[in-house]
Amino acid sequence: MRWNIVAAEYLDGYRLALTFADGTSGVVDLTQRVRAGGVFARIADLEAFKQFAINRDFGTVCWGDELDIAPETLYYEVAGVPAEAMLREAPPEYGAKKP
């Protein structure tokens, strides 16, 4: 898929330089997510944050087997796509209403 991550490099703080399968590249800043806590609290320590890897099966960066961010979310952030456009491109099942 176009938004599968093929390269990732740690920059500083909670910023990563990402390159996607379609050649799109840029920087994503995950500071807000980390500061929000929740599941991201486990990577608040910068040394833990730096231990990311690319999971080739899912096409995204991950931290261990338990934490990742959807590659399309990262792609849209890097490409500067507004939230409304993200929703229009989301698979139909994302917005499916249960009967």
C-alpha atoms as a PDB file:
ATOM      1  CA  MET A   1       0.000   0.000   0.000  1.00  0.00           C
ATOM      2  CA  ARG A   2       1.086   3.550  -0.623  1.00  0.00           C
ATOM      3  CA  TRP A   3       1.234   4.370   3.057  1.00  0.00           C
ATOM      4  CA  ASN A   4       3.395   1.456   4.184  1.00  0.00           C
ATOM      5  CA  ILE A   5       6.504   2.780   5.874  1.00  0.00           C
ATOM      6  CA  VAL A   6       9.733   1.658   4.225  1.00  0.00           C
ATOM      7  CA  ALA A   7      12.199   3.730   6.281  1.00  0.00           C
ATOM      8  CA  ALA A   8      12.142   5.443   9.664  1.00  0.00           C
ATOM      9  CA  GLU A   9      14.805   7.413  11.459  1.00  0.00           C
ATOM     10  CA  TYR A  10      14.832   8.922  14.936  1.00  0.00           C
ATOM     11  CA  LEU A  11      15.458  12.679  14.855  1.00  0.00           C
ATOM     12  CA  ASP A  12      15.015  14.172  18.323  1.00  0.00           C
ATOM     13  CA  GLY A  13      12.400  14.371  21.059  1.00  0.00           C
ATOM     14  CA  TYR A  14       9.438  12.360  19.821  1.00  0.00           C
ATOM     15  CA  ARG A  15      10.049  13.066  16.133  1.00  0.00           C
ATOM     16  CA  LEU A  16      10.627  10.500  13.411  1.00  0.00           C
ATOM     17  CA  ALA A  17      11.556  10.978   9.764  1.00  0.00           C
ATOM     18  CA  LEU A  18       9.431   8.571   7.728  1.00  0.00           C
ATOM     19  CA  THR A  19       9.483   7.406   4.120  1.00  0.00           C
ATOM     20  CA  PHE A  20       6.470   5.655   2.633  1.00  0.00           C
ATOM     21  CA  ALA A  21       6.165   3.127  -0.180  1.00  0.00           C
ATOM     22  CA  ASP A  22       4.931   5.762  -2.657  1.00  0.00           C
ATOM     23  CA  GLY A  23       7.999   7.954  -2.004  1.00  0.00           C
ATOM     24  CA  THR A  24       6.256  10.434   0.291  1.00  0.00           C
ATOM     25  CA  SER A  25       8.548  11.418   3.146  1.00  0.00           C
ATOM     26  CA  GLY A  26       8.547  13.817   6.029  1.00  0.00           C
ATOM     27  CA  VAL A  27       8.635  14.248   9.755  1.00  0.00           C
ATOM     28  CA  VAL A  28       5.987  13.167  12.222  1.00  0.00           C
ATOM     29  CA  ASP A  29       5.982  14.575  15.740  1.00  0.00           C
ATOM     30  CA  LEU A  30       4.411  12.187  18.248  1.00  0.00           C
ATOM     31  CA  THR A  31       4.826  14.512  21.243  1.00  0.00           C
ATOM     32  CA  GLN A  32       1.082  15.117  21.657  1.00  0.00           C
ATOM     33  CA  ARG A  33       0.292  11.396  21.652  1.00  0.00           C
ATOM     34  CA  VAL A  34       3.012  10.600  24.161  1.00  0.00           C
ATOM     35  CA  ARG A  35       2.009  13.454  26.463  1.00  0.00           C
ATOM     36  CA  ALA A  36      -1.625  12.329  26.316  1.00  0.00           C
ATOM     37  CA  GLY A  37      -0.563   9.146  28.078  1.00  0.00           C
ATOM     38  CA  GLY A  38      -2.787   6.113  27.797  1.00  0.00           C
ATOM     39  CA  VAL A  39      -1.183   3.389  25.715  1.00  0.00           C
ATOM     40  CA  PHE A  40       1.580   5.803  24.685  1.00  0.00           C
ATOM     41  CA  ALA A  41       2.749   6.296  28.280  1.00  0.00           C
ATOM     42  CA  ARG A  42       5.043   3.296  27.848  1.00  0.00           C
ATOM     43  CA  ILE A  43       7.181   5.230  25.334  1.00  0.00           C
ATOM     44  CA  ALA A  44       7.344   8.499  27.302  1.00  0.00           C
ATOM     45  CA  ASP A  45      10.910   7.636  28.249  1.00  0.00           C
ATOM     46  CA  LEU A  46      12.990   8.730  25.250  1.00  0.00           C
ATOM     47  CA  GLU A  47      15.150   5.622  25.414  1.00  0.00           C
ATOM     48  CA  ALA A  48      12.006   3.493  25.126  1.00  0.00           C
ATOM     49  CA  PHE A  49      10.733   5.704  22.282  1.00  0.00           C
ATOM     50  CA  LYS A  50      13.967   5.198  20.358  1.00  0.00           C
ATOM     51  CA  GLN A  51      13.451   1.426  20.417  1.00  0.00           C
ATOM     52  CA  PHE A  52      10.944   1.499  17.552  1.00  0.00           C
ATOM     53  CA  ALA A  53      11.159  -0.814  14.575  1.00  0.00           C
ATOM     54  CA  ILE A  54       9.366  -1.109  11.256  1.00  0.00           C
ATOM     55  CA  ASN A  55       6.914  -3.973  11.244  1.00  0.00           C
ATOM     56  CA  ARG A  56       6.980  -5.022   7.581  1.00  0.00           C
ATOM     57  CA  ASP A  57       3.796  -7.104   7.983  1.00  0.00           C
ATOM     58  CA  PHE A  58       1.781  -4.039   9.027  1.00  0.00           C
ATOM     59  CA  GLY A  59       3.841  -1.402   7.206  1.00  0.00           C
ATOM     60  CA  THR A  60       4.245   0.818  10.231  1.00  0.00           C
ATOM     61  CA  VAL A  61       6.518   1.677  13.128  1.00  0.00           C
ATOM     62  CA  CYS A  62       5.969  -0.227  16.325  1.00  0.00           C
ATOM     63  CA  TRP A  63       7.351  -0.525  19.799  1.00  0.00           C
ATOM     64  CA  GLY A  64       7.555  -4.184  20.689  1.00  0.00           C
ATOM     65  CA  ASP A  65       4.593  -6.360  19.791  1.00  0.00           C
ATOM     66  CA  GLU A  66       2.066  -4.237  21.648  1.00  0.00           C
ATOM     67  CA  LEU A  67       2.183  -0.671  20.353  1.00  0.00           C
ATOM     68  CA  ASP A  68       1.942   0.792  16.875  1.00  0.00           C
ATOM     69  CA  ILE A  69       0.243   3.602  15.007  1.00  0.00           C
ATOM     70  CA  ALA A  70      -1.784   2.950  11.872  1.00  0.00           C
ATOM     71  CA  PRO A  71       0.435   3.711   8.882  1.00  0.00           C
ATOM     72  CA  GLU A  72      -2.302   5.683   7.128  1.00  0.00           C
ATOM     73  CA  THR A  73      -2.537   7.987  10.156  1.00  0.00           C
ATOM     74  CA  LEU A  74       1.199   8.681   9.969  1.00  0.00           C
ATOM     75  CA  TYR A  75       1.006   9.105   6.187  1.00  0.00           C
ATOM     76  CA  TYR A  76      -1.749  11.686   6.435  1.00  0.00           C
ATOM     77  CA  GLU A  77       0.143  13.597   9.116  1.00  0.00           C
ATOM     78  CA  VAL A  78       3.326  13.674   7.050  1.00  0.00           C
ATOM     79  CA  ALA A  79       1.421  14.611   3.876  1.00  0.00           C
ATOM     80  CA  GLY A  80      -0.541  17.329   5.716  1.00  0.00           C
ATOM     81  CA  VAL A  81      -3.925  15.840   4.859  1.00  0.00           C
ATOM     82  CA  PRO A  82      -6.737  17.451   6.903  1.00  0.00           C
ATOM     83  CA  ALA A  83      -8.902  15.240   9.122  1.00  0.00           C
ATOM     84  CA  GLU A  84     -11.943  15.619   6.854  1.00  0.00           C
ATOM     85  CA  ALA A  85     -10.038  14.128   3.922  1.00  0.00           C
ATOM     86  CA  MET A  86      -8.806  11.292   6.112  1.00  0.00           C
ATOM     87  CA  LEU A  87     -12.400  10.375   6.890  1.00  0.00           C
ATOM     88  CA  ARG A  88     -13.393  10.442   3.215  1.00  0.00           C
ATOM     89  CA  GLU A  89     -10.580   8.009   2.352  1.00  0.00           C
ATOM     90  CA  ALA A  90     -11.142   5.682   5.312  1.00  0.00           C
ATOM     91  CA  PRO A  91     -12.383   2.194   4.497  1.00  0.00           C
ATOM     92  CA  PRO A  92     -16.207   2.013   4.666  1.00  0.00           C
ATOM     93  CA  GLU A  93     -16.160  -0.352   7.653  1.00  0.00           C
ATOM     94  CA  TYR A  94     -14.521   2.388   9.773  1.00  0.00           C
ATOM     95  CA  GLY A  95     -17.740   4.375   9.705  1.00  0.00           C
ATOM     96  CA  ALA A  96     -20.171   1.475   9.647  1.00  0.00           C
ATOM     97  CA  LYS A  97     -23.002   1.822  12.094  1.00  0.00           C
ATOM     98  CA  LYS A  98     -24.159  -1.190  13.998  1.00  0.00           C
ATOM     99  CA  PRO A  99     -27.840  -2.071  13.546  1.00  0.00           C
END
